[in-house]
Amino acid sequence: MENTSGTVPEQQQGRTFTQEQVNAIVSRRLAEQKAALEADSVKREQELNRREMSIRAKELLSERGLPKGIADVLRYETEEELVKAIDTIEHAKGFKNEEKAAADTRPGKIHIQEDKLPTGVRHDAPDLIADAFKLKG
């Protein structure tokens, strides 16, 4: 059964839109796409800033003679927060100069020197390692 009248059957007929409706649909889709692109852009920018701050943290730690691995546990989002966190770590590592002078005057307190190995050998103490490796006999 063929339709010979020249009209399209109702099932095949598509919906027609006014120009205003088309404009609204296109505008909505463009707005959705723009929002998605902006969200992606913000996410990429945040990731880039995080990487840059991680590199800066390692540089600052290296400049101050601290292990670079500490950068992985520090919490910071700005350079000011980073410097404050590194100052806190550096402060906790040992006494600062003003605290060293105060520590010397307190009775019963042990003075800590950073990055210093004991020098000299005690000759009056037995060398247990040398004794352990001596030949028996």
Protein backbone atom coordinates (compact mmCIF):
# COMPACT_ATOMS: atom_id res chain seq x y z
CA MET A 1 0.00 0.00 0.00
CA GLU A 2 1.68 2.96 -1.31
CA ASN A 3 0.73 6.48 -0.49
CA THR A 4 0.02 8.12 -3.82
CA SER A 5 -1.46 11.33 -2.54
CA GLY A 6 2.03 12.86 -2.18
CA THR A 7 1.84 13.41 1.56
CA VAL A 8 4.07 11.78 4.11
CA PRO A 9 2.31 9.38 6.42
CA GLU A 10 1.91 10.63 9.98
CA GLN A 11 4.41 8.10 11.38
CA GLN A 12 7.23 9.32 9.15
CA GLN A 13 6.55 12.98 9.62
CA GLY A 14 9.23 14.74 11.78
CA ARG A 15 8.62 17.40 14.34
CA THR A 16 9.13 20.92 13.11
CA PHE A 17 10.74 23.56 15.29
CA THR A 18 10.48 27.28 15.20
CA GLN A 19 13.64 29.33 14.89
CA GLU A 20 13.33 30.34 18.55
CA GLN A 21 13.17 26.71 19.64
CA VAL A 22 16.21 25.81 17.53
CA ASN A 23 18.11 28.77 18.97
CA ALA A 24 17.18 27.72 22.52
CA ILE A 25 18.29 24.12 21.93
CA VAL A 26 21.59 25.19 20.35
CA SER A 27 22.22 27.75 23.10
CA ARG A 28 21.57 25.18 25.82
CA ARG A 29 23.91 22.64 24.22
CA LEU A 30 26.63 25.26 23.71
CA ALA A 31 26.30 26.36 27.35
CA GLU A 32 26.61 22.76 28.54
CA GLN A 33 29.68 22.22 26.38
CA LYS A 34 31.25 25.49 27.54
CA ALA A 35 30.65 24.56 31.20
CA ALA A 36 32.25 21.15 30.66
CA LEU A 37 35.28 22.71 28.96
CA GLU A 38 35.66 25.30 31.73
CA ALA A 39 35.49 22.59 34.40
CA ASP A 40 38.16 20.62 32.53
CA SER A 41 40.29 23.75 32.20
CA VAL A 42 40.01 24.49 35.94
CA LYS A 43 40.94 20.89 36.76
CA ARG A 44 44.01 21.05 34.50
CA GLU A 45 45.08 24.39 35.98
CA GLN A 46 44.80 23.01 39.52
CA GLU A 47 46.89 19.97 38.57
CA LEU A 48 49.52 22.20 36.95
CA ASN A 49 49.67 24.43 40.04
CA ARG A 50 50.00 21.36 42.26
CA ARG A 51 52.93 20.09 40.19
CA GLU A 52 54.63 23.50 40.18
CA MET A 53 54.26 23.80 43.96
CA SER A 54 55.67 20.29 44.41
CA ILE A 55 58.74 21.26 42.38
CA ARG A 56 59.08 24.52 44.33
CA ALA A 57 58.79 22.61 47.62
CA LYS A 58 61.62 20.30 46.64
CA GLU A 59 63.76 23.28 45.60
CA LEU A 60 63.20 25.05 48.93
CA LEU A 61 63.87 21.90 50.92
CA SER A 62 67.08 21.33 49.01
CA GLU A 63 68.18 24.94 49.57
CA ARG A 64 67.70 24.51 53.32
CA GLY A 65 69.50 21.19 53.48
CA LEU A 66 66.39 19.13 54.19
CA PRO A 67 65.43 15.87 52.44
CA LYS A 68 63.31 16.39 49.32
CA GLY A 69 61.03 13.52 50.32
CA ILE A 70 59.48 15.70 53.00
CA ALA A 71 57.64 17.56 50.21
CA ASP A 72 55.31 14.56 49.84
CA VAL A 73 53.97 14.92 53.40
CA LEU A 74 53.76 18.71 53.66
CA ARG A 75 50.37 20.41 53.27
CA TYR A 76 50.41 23.58 51.20
CA GLU A 77 48.56 25.28 48.39
CA THR A 78 50.39 28.60 48.25
CA GLU A 79 54.04 29.54 48.47
CA GLU A 80 53.40 31.25 51.82
CA GLU A 81 51.94 28.04 53.25
CA LEU A 82 54.88 26.12 51.84
CA VAL A 83 57.47 28.43 53.43
CA LYS A 84 55.63 28.26 56.76
CA ALA A 85 55.53 24.45 56.63
CA ILE A 86 59.25 24.25 55.80
CA ASP A 87 60.04 26.70 58.61
CA THR A 88 58.11 24.45 60.98
CA ILE A 89 60.05 21.38 59.83
CA GLU A 90 63.35 23.24 60.07
CA HIS A 91 62.41 24.48 63.53
CA ALA A 92 61.49 20.97 64.68
CA LYS A 93 64.75 19.56 63.33
CA GLY A 94 66.78 21.28 66.05
CA PHE A 95 67.09 24.40 68.08
CA LYS A 96 67.36 27.74 66.36
CA ASN A 97 70.14 30.12 67.46
CA GLU A 98 68.01 32.08 69.94
CA GLU A 99 66.79 28.84 71.49
CA LYS A 100 70.32 27.44 71.74
CA ALA A 101 71.38 30.31 73.97
CA ALA A 102 68.31 29.81 76.18
CA ALA A 103 68.90 26.05 76.33
CA ASP A 104 72.43 26.59 77.63
CA THR A 105 71.12 28.45 80.68
CA ARG A 106 68.49 25.88 81.69
CA PRO A 107 69.76 23.35 84.22
CA GLY A 108 69.34 19.69 83.44
CA LYS A 109 68.64 20.22 79.74
CA ILE A 110 70.66 18.54 77.04
CA HIS A 111 72.02 20.76 74.30
CA ILE A 112 71.41 19.30 70.84
CA GLN A 113 73.75 20.09 67.99
CA GLU A 114 72.45 19.45 64.53
CA ASP A 115 74.35 17.46 61.95
CA LYS A 116 77.35 16.87 64.22
CA LEU A 117 79.03 13.53 64.66
CA PRO A 118 81.05 12.85 67.77
CA THR A 119 84.72 13.52 67.24
CA GLY A 120 87.65 11.84 68.88
CA VAL A 121 88.04 8.32 70.18
CA ARG A 122 87.74 7.28 73.78
CA HIS A 123 90.87 5.31 74.53
CA ASP A 124 89.76 4.21 77.97
CA ALA A 125 86.72 2.25 76.71
CA PRO A 126 87.22 -1.26 75.34
CA ASP A 127 86.67 -1.70 71.63
CA LEU A 128 84.01 -4.41 71.63
CA ILE A 129 83.97 -4.83 67.85
CA ALA A 130 87.76 -5.28 67.66
CA ASP A 131 87.58 -7.76 70.54
CA ALA A 132 84.88 -9.76 68.74
CA PHE A 133 87.03 -10.16 65.62
CA LYS A 134 90.31 -11.07 67.34
CA LEU A 135 91.80 -14.42 66.54
CA LYS A 136 91.33 -16.97 69.26
CA GLY A 137 94.20 -19.00 70.24
